[in-house]
């Protein structure tokens, strides 16, 4: 994905500028995968074939100067599709009927005839993106990390690995004790 650049949308930039003018920062809060491949356009307001949207799970300001930002999302829905587009969303100051902020498409990664990855129901995808903030006003964005922080993502897999390791250590100790008993006999 190194050849791809984020195409900022006009709606996303307008929302970001509105927040900045009001003295706030735009909150990057979600990313999405879709299955349509195309050349992104700045007039887009949605992904063309969105399949899955998740809250940002982790973030890292890469260079300490604020010109780039890494964000991560955990995609774990039991669905299957080719990943051909990735969208990054910011929160709007407007709220939906459920009291949640509306999300505005800030930018899109996609390229014609290019598959960025593949989602299967059995595999969780942890997608990291590095966003260049050089084209945006300085100090104009922040990241809103969702509930499912990456420190908690290593759930079932880590528990399984830990159990296997503990069982192996127990067998090794039992074997050592048997060897010691044989040596003393």
Protein backbone atom coordinates (compact mmCIF):
# COMPACT_ATOMS: atom_id res chain seq x y z
CA UNK A 1 0.00 0.00 0.00
CA UNK A 2 3.06 2.28 -0.03
CA UNK A 3 2.19 3.57 -3.54
CA UNK A 4 -1.21 4.79 -2.39
CA UNK A 5 -1.85 8.24 -1.00
CA UNK A 6 -4.84 9.36 1.00
CA UNK A 7 -7.29 11.35 -1.10
CA UNK A 8 -8.81 13.90 1.27
CA UNK A 9 -12.48 14.64 0.64
CA UNK A 10 -13.94 18.12 0.41
CA UNK A 11 -16.62 17.24 2.99
CA UNK A 12 -13.95 16.01 5.39
CA UNK A 13 -11.74 19.07 4.91
CA UNK A 14 -14.76 21.38 5.32
CA UNK A 15 -15.71 19.65 8.59
CA UNK A 16 -12.12 19.88 9.78
CA UNK A 17 -11.92 23.59 8.96
CA UNK A 18 -15.26 24.24 10.69
CA UNK A 19 -14.02 22.52 13.85
CA UNK A 20 -10.74 24.46 13.71
CA UNK A 21 -12.57 27.78 13.30
CA UNK A 22 -14.67 26.94 16.37
CA UNK A 23 -11.51 26.26 18.38
CA UNK A 24 -11.75 22.46 18.29
CA UNK A 25 -9.76 19.73 16.63
CA UNK A 26 -11.26 17.29 14.16
CA UNK A 27 -11.59 13.88 15.82
CA UNK A 28 -10.52 10.95 13.66
CA UNK A 29 -12.61 8.18 15.13
CA UNK A 30 -13.32 5.40 12.61
CA UNK A 31 -11.93 3.56 9.61
CA UNK A 32 -13.73 1.36 7.11
CA UNK A 33 -13.01 -1.31 4.51
CA UNK A 34 -14.84 -1.68 1.23
CA UNK A 35 -14.71 -3.91 -1.83
CA UNK A 36 -14.76 -1.38 -4.69
CA UNK A 37 -11.53 -0.41 -6.47
CA UNK A 38 -11.39 2.99 -8.16
CA UNK A 39 -9.58 6.31 -8.23
CA UNK A 40 -10.82 8.26 -5.18
CA UNK A 41 -12.36 11.65 -5.76
CA UNK A 42 -12.41 14.67 -3.45
CA UNK A 43 -16.19 14.97 -3.88
CA UNK A 44 -16.83 11.56 -2.28
CA UNK A 45 -18.96 11.45 0.84
CA UNK A 46 -18.90 7.66 1.31
CA UNK A 47 -16.96 4.58 0.29
CA UNK A 48 -18.42 3.06 -2.85
CA UNK A 49 -18.63 -0.49 -1.51
CA UNK A 50 -18.30 -0.20 2.28
CA UNK A 51 -18.41 -3.56 4.04
CA UNK A 52 -17.14 -2.94 7.56
CA UNK A 53 -16.60 0.13 9.78
CA UNK A 54 -14.78 0.09 13.12
CA UNK A 55 -13.69 2.55 15.79
CA UNK A 56 -10.00 3.44 15.92
CA UNK A 57 -8.36 0.98 18.32
CA UNK A 58 -4.94 2.60 18.76
CA UNK A 59 -2.84 5.54 17.64
CA UNK A 60 0.76 6.71 17.50
CA UNK A 61 2.12 10.11 16.55
CA UNK A 62 5.10 8.84 14.55
CA UNK A 63 7.59 11.63 14.38
CA UNK A 64 6.86 13.70 17.47
CA UNK A 65 6.35 16.79 15.34
CA UNK A 66 2.77 16.05 14.34
CA UNK A 67 3.33 15.74 10.58
CA UNK A 68 2.29 12.08 10.48
CA UNK A 69 -0.04 9.95 12.51
CA UNK A 70 -0.53 6.19 12.71
CA UNK A 71 -3.98 4.80 13.43
CA UNK A 72 -5.17 1.22 13.79
CA UNK A 73 -8.49 -0.52 13.49
CA UNK A 74 -9.46 -4.08 14.40
CA UNK A 75 -11.71 -5.69 11.79
CA UNK A 76 -13.23 -8.90 13.13
CA UNK A 77 -16.74 -9.29 11.69
CA UNK A 78 -17.53 -12.78 10.32
CA UNK A 79 -17.66 -11.69 6.67
CA UNK A 80 -15.58 -12.31 3.55
CA UNK A 81 -14.58 -9.85 0.83
CA UNK A 82 -11.63 -8.37 -1.04
CA UNK A 83 -10.34 -5.16 0.57
CA UNK A 84 -10.08 -2.62 -2.23
CA UNK A 85 -10.78 0.66 -0.44
CA UNK A 86 -10.07 2.06 3.01
CA UNK A 87 -11.84 5.09 4.43
CA UNK A 88 -10.90 7.33 7.37
CA UNK A 89 -13.70 9.18 9.18
CA UNK A 90 -13.92 12.17 11.51
CA UNK A 91 -16.73 13.03 13.86
CA UNK A 92 -19.14 15.77 12.90
CA UNK A 93 -20.36 18.31 15.47
CA UNK A 94 -23.87 17.11 14.51
CA UNK A 95 -25.45 14.15 16.28
CA UNK A 96 -27.67 11.39 14.94
CA UNK A 97 -31.03 10.41 16.44
CA UNK A 98 -29.27 7.88 18.71
CA UNK A 99 -27.09 10.60 20.24
CA UNK A 100 -23.95 9.47 18.38
CA UNK A 101 -21.88 11.94 16.37
CA UNK A 102 -22.35 11.71 12.62
CA UNK A 103 -19.26 10.51 10.78
CA UNK A 104 -17.80 12.35 7.80
CA UNK A 105 -15.43 10.73 5.32
CA UNK A 106 -12.08 12.52 5.69
CA UNK A 107 -10.12 10.51 3.14
CA UNK A 108 -9.94 7.39 1.00
CA UNK A 109 -7.25 4.92 -0.05
CA UNK A 110 -8.07 3.00 -3.24
CA UNK A 111 -6.62 2.29 -6.67
CA UNK A 112 -8.23 0.79 -9.79
CA UNK A 113 -7.62 -2.95 -10.28
CA UNK A 114 -5.83 -3.20 -6.93
CA UNK A 115 -6.72 -5.47 -4.05
CA UNK A 116 -5.24 -4.21 -0.78
CA UNK A 117 -6.00 -7.37 1.17
CA UNK A 118 -8.60 -10.03 1.76
CA UNK A 119 -11.00 -10.50 4.68
CA UNK A 120 -12.16 -13.93 5.74
CA UNK A 121 -14.59 -14.73 8.56
CA UNK A 122 -11.95 -16.64 10.53
CA UNK A 123 -9.22 -14.00 10.48
CA UNK A 124 -9.11 -10.77 12.45
CA UNK A 125 -7.40 -7.95 10.56
CA UNK A 126 -5.47 -5.35 12.49
CA UNK A 127 -4.94 -2.55 9.97
CA UNK A 128 -2.42 0.21 10.65
CA UNK A 129 -2.45 3.32 8.46
CA UNK A 130 0.02 6.18 8.47
CA UNK A 131 -1.64 9.48 7.66
CA UNK A 132 0.43 12.42 6.48
CA UNK A 133 -0.91 15.51 8.21
CA UNK A 134 1.34 17.90 6.27
CA UNK A 135 -1.56 18.96 4.02
CA UNK A 136 -3.75 19.86 6.99
CA UNK A 137 -3.59 22.89 9.27
CA UNK A 138 -1.18 22.23 12.14
CA UNK A 139 -2.71 20.92 15.36
CA UNK A 140 -6.09 20.48 13.61
CA UNK A 141 -6.73 16.78 14.27
CA UNK A 142 -6.75 14.38 17.16
CA UNK A 143 -7.65 10.72 17.41
CA UNK A 144 -10.56 9.38 19.39
CA UNK A 145 -9.63 5.84 20.43
CA UNK A 146 -12.60 3.51 20.76
CA UNK A 147 -13.34 1.20 23.66
CA UNK A 148 -11.48 -1.80 22.20
CA UNK A 149 -7.94 -0.52 22.80
CA UNK A 150 -5.20 -2.68 21.25
CA UNK A 151 -3.90 -3.60 24.69
CA UNK A 152 -7.05 -5.73 24.99
CA UNK A 153 -7.08 -7.16 21.46
CA UNK A 154 -4.73 -10.07 22.14
CA UNK A 155 -7.53 -11.96 23.81
CA UNK A 156 -8.30 -15.53 22.80
CA UNK A 157 -5.08 -16.11 20.85
CA UNK A 158 -2.88 -14.96 23.73
CA UNK A 159 -4.83 -17.05 26.23
CA UNK A 160 -4.42 -20.14 24.04
CA UNK A 161 -0.68 -19.54 23.61
CA UNK A 162 -0.27 -19.01 27.36
CA UNK A 163 -2.06 -22.27 28.15
CA UNK A 164 0.13 -24.21 25.71
CA UNK A 165 3.28 -22.66 27.19
CA UNK A 166 2.23 -23.45 30.77
CA UNK A 167 1.40 -27.07 29.85
CA UNK A 168 4.81 -27.43 28.17
CA UNK A 169 6.59 -26.02 31.22
CA UNK A 170 4.68 -28.39 33.51
CA UNK A 171 5.70 -31.42 31.40
CA UNK A 172 9.33 -30.27 31.44
CA UNK A 173 9.33 -29.93 35.24
CA UNK A 174 7.72 -33.35 35.67
CA UNK A 175 10.34 -34.86 33.36
CA UNK A 176 13.16 -33.18 35.31
CA UNK A 177 11.77 -34.53 38.58
CA UNK A 178 11.62 -38.05 37.12
CA UNK A 179 15.25 -37.74 35.97
CA UNK A 180 16.36 -36.57 39.42
CA UNK A 181 14.52 -39.51 41.02
CA UNK A 182 16.20 -41.97 38.62
CA UNK A 183 19.65 -40.49 39.35
CA UNK A 184 19.12 -40.88 43.10
CA UNK A 185 17.96 -44.50 42.80
